[in-house]
Protein backbone atom coordinates (compact mmCIF):
# COMPACT_ATOMS: atom_id res chain seq x y z
CA MET A 1 38.00 -103.04 18.65
CA TYR A 2 35.40 -101.28 20.80
CA ASP A 3 34.40 -103.77 23.48
CA LYS A 4 32.89 -101.19 25.79
CA PRO A 5 31.51 -97.79 24.82
CA GLN A 6 33.14 -94.75 26.42
CA ASN A 7 29.83 -93.57 27.89
CA GLY A 8 29.58 -96.66 30.09
CA ALA A 9 26.31 -97.82 28.54
CA GLY A 10 27.46 -101.46 28.52
CA LYS A 11 27.43 -103.75 25.50
CA PRO A 12 26.81 -102.35 22.01
CA SER A 13 23.41 -102.55 20.38
CA VAL A 14 23.62 -105.25 17.70
CA LEU A 15 21.77 -105.43 14.38
CA ALA A 16 21.79 -109.14 13.47
CA ALA A 17 22.87 -110.47 10.08
CA ASP A 18 19.31 -111.41 9.05
CA LEU A 19 17.88 -107.90 9.64
CA VAL A 20 17.32 -105.21 7.01
CA VAL A 21 16.57 -101.69 8.25
CA SER A 22 15.49 -98.76 6.14
CA GLY A 23 15.42 -95.41 7.92
CA VAL A 24 17.27 -93.74 10.77
CA ILE A 25 19.26 -95.44 13.54
CA ALA A 26 20.68 -93.26 16.32
CA THR A 27 22.37 -94.13 19.60
CA GLU A 28 24.58 -92.35 22.09
CA GLY A 29 26.44 -95.60 22.69
CA ALA A 30 28.03 -98.28 20.54
CA LEU A 31 26.32 -99.95 17.60
CA GLU A 32 27.33 -103.12 15.75
CA ILE A 33 25.79 -103.72 12.34
CA ASN A 34 25.93 -107.23 10.92
CA GLY A 35 22.84 -106.84 8.71
CA THR A 36 21.85 -104.22 6.14
CA VAL A 37 20.99 -100.57 6.76
CA GLU A 38 19.72 -98.14 4.14
CA GLY A 39 19.43 -94.63 5.55
CA GLU A 40 21.15 -92.70 8.33
CA VAL A 41 23.25 -94.06 11.18
CA THR A 42 24.52 -92.00 14.13
CA ALA A 43 26.52 -93.56 16.98
CA GLU A 44 29.32 -92.86 19.42
CA ALA A 45 31.11 -96.01 18.27
CA LEU A 46 30.18 -97.96 15.15
CA ILE A 47 31.25 -101.45 14.15
CA VAL A 48 30.28 -102.72 10.70
CA GLY A 49 30.73 -106.49 10.84
CA ARG A 50 32.05 -108.62 7.96
CA GLY A 51 28.51 -109.28 6.71
CA GLY A 52 27.30 -105.76 7.52
CA THR A 53 26.32 -103.22 4.87
CA ILE A 54 25.40 -99.56 5.28
CA SER A 55 24.17 -97.39 2.40
CA GLY A 56 23.55 -93.77 3.36
CA LYS A 57 24.81 -91.14 5.77
CA VAL A 58 26.92 -92.22 8.73
CA ARG A 59 28.09 -90.11 11.69
CA ALA A 60 30.24 -91.61 14.45
CA ARG A 61 33.02 -90.58 16.76
CA ARG A 62 34.78 -93.92 16.10
CA ALA A 63 34.10 -96.39 13.30
CA ASP A 64 35.57 -99.85 12.74
CA VAL A 65 34.56 -101.24 9.33
CA HIS A 66 34.91 -104.93 8.41
CA GLY A 67 32.02 -104.92 5.90
CA VAL A 68 30.62 -102.53 3.29
CA LEU A 69 29.91 -98.82 3.70
CA GLN A 70 28.55 -96.69 0.84
CA GLY A 71 27.51 -93.06 0.93
CA ASP A 72 28.73 -90.32 3.24
CA LEU A 73 30.83 -90.91 6.37
CA VAL A 74 31.88 -88.33 8.97
CA CYS A 75 33.89 -89.54 11.96
CA ASN A 76 36.87 -88.71 14.15
CA ASP A 77 38.64 -92.07 14.03
CA LEU A 78 38.16 -94.63 11.26
CA VAL A 79 39.67 -98.11 10.94
CA LEU A 80 39.17 -99.95 7.64
CA ARG A 81 39.86 -103.64 8.11
CA ALA A 82 41.27 -105.89 5.37
CA SER A 83 37.77 -107.21 4.55
CA SER A 84 36.17 -103.75 4.29
CA ARG A 85 34.85 -101.99 1.20
CA LEU A 86 34.37 -98.25 1.50
CA HIS A 87 32.73 -96.33 -1.36
CA ALA A 88 32.03 -92.99 0.25
CA ASP A 89 32.73 -89.32 0.67
CA LEU A 90 34.77 -89.45 3.85
CA THR A 91 35.54 -86.75 6.39
CA CYS A 92 37.72 -87.94 9.25
CA THR A 93 40.58 -86.86 11.48
CA THR A 94 42.40 -90.19 11.84
CA LEU A 95 42.32 -92.95 9.22
CA THR A 96 43.84 -96.44 9.49
CA VAL A 97 43.66 -98.73 6.45
CA GLU A 98 44.68 -102.39 6.63
CA THR A 99 46.18 -104.09 3.59
CA GLY A 100 43.38 -105.52 1.47
CA ALA A 101 40.77 -102.88 2.29
CA GLU A 102 38.99 -101.44 -0.75
CA VAL A 103 38.67 -97.66 -0.64
CA GLU A 104 37.04 -95.45 -3.25
CA GLY A 105 35.72 -91.92 -2.89
CA ASN A 106 36.70 -88.48 -1.67
CA LEU A 107 38.67 -87.89 1.52
CA ARG A 108 38.55 -84.67 3.49
CA ARG A 109 40.24 -83.89 6.76
CA PRO A 110 38.46 -81.27 8.86
CA ALA A 111 40.35 -78.08 9.57
CA PRO A 112 41.88 -78.03 13.04
CA PRO A 113 40.04 -75.80 15.50
CA ALA A 114 41.45 -72.31 15.98
CA PRO A 115 43.49 -71.84 19.15
CA PRO A 116 41.55 -70.07 21.91
CA ASP A 117 43.86 -67.03 21.73
CA ALA A 118 43.54 -66.62 17.92
CA PRO A 119 42.04 -63.33 16.74
CA GLN A 120 38.40 -63.57 15.72
CA THR A 121 37.33 -62.31 12.29
CA LEU A 122 34.06 -60.62 11.64
CA LEU A 123 32.86 -62.26 8.44
CA GLY A 124 29.77 -60.12 8.33
CA ALA A 125 31.81 -56.91 8.57
CA GLU A 126 34.20 -58.12 5.86
CA ALA A 127 31.26 -58.94 3.60
CA ASP A 128 29.74 -55.49 4.22
CA LEU A 129 33.05 -53.82 3.33
CA ALA A 130 33.32 -55.84 0.14
CA GLY A 131 29.75 -54.98 -0.77
CA GLY A 132 30.38 -51.29 -0.12
CA ALA A 133 33.41 -51.29 -2.41
CA ASP A 134 31.32 -52.76 -5.23
CA ASP A 135 28.65 -50.09 -4.75
CA ALA A 136 31.24 -47.29 -4.93
CA GLU A 137 32.49 -48.56 -8.30
CA GLY A 138 29.10 -48.78 -9.97
């Protein structure tokens, strides 16, 4: 799905099927995981291959999952392929699920950003007013 990363970095970094990584993986480009990762993954574009497994926290602008993802996933665009298994707390803007994909967990959609001309609230001032009202009662 993501042949070339948007940042022009070339081909994605690939974690082969026979590799097991425990820790943190971070890239500003594309990452394809065909092996096993336990930990944190951050990428511009993430592909989890059919034999790929991630357990942990994942952050990506775009994610295309053919394998297994467990844990916590935050992304803008997510595609769950028919072979995928997602067991995660998911926060994403756009979600595409193919027939056959296994999905279990919580789904949250981030609140849309406020328009630039929207009035700004002063949360600190509101909190101070609420605190003052409590003090006047007691």
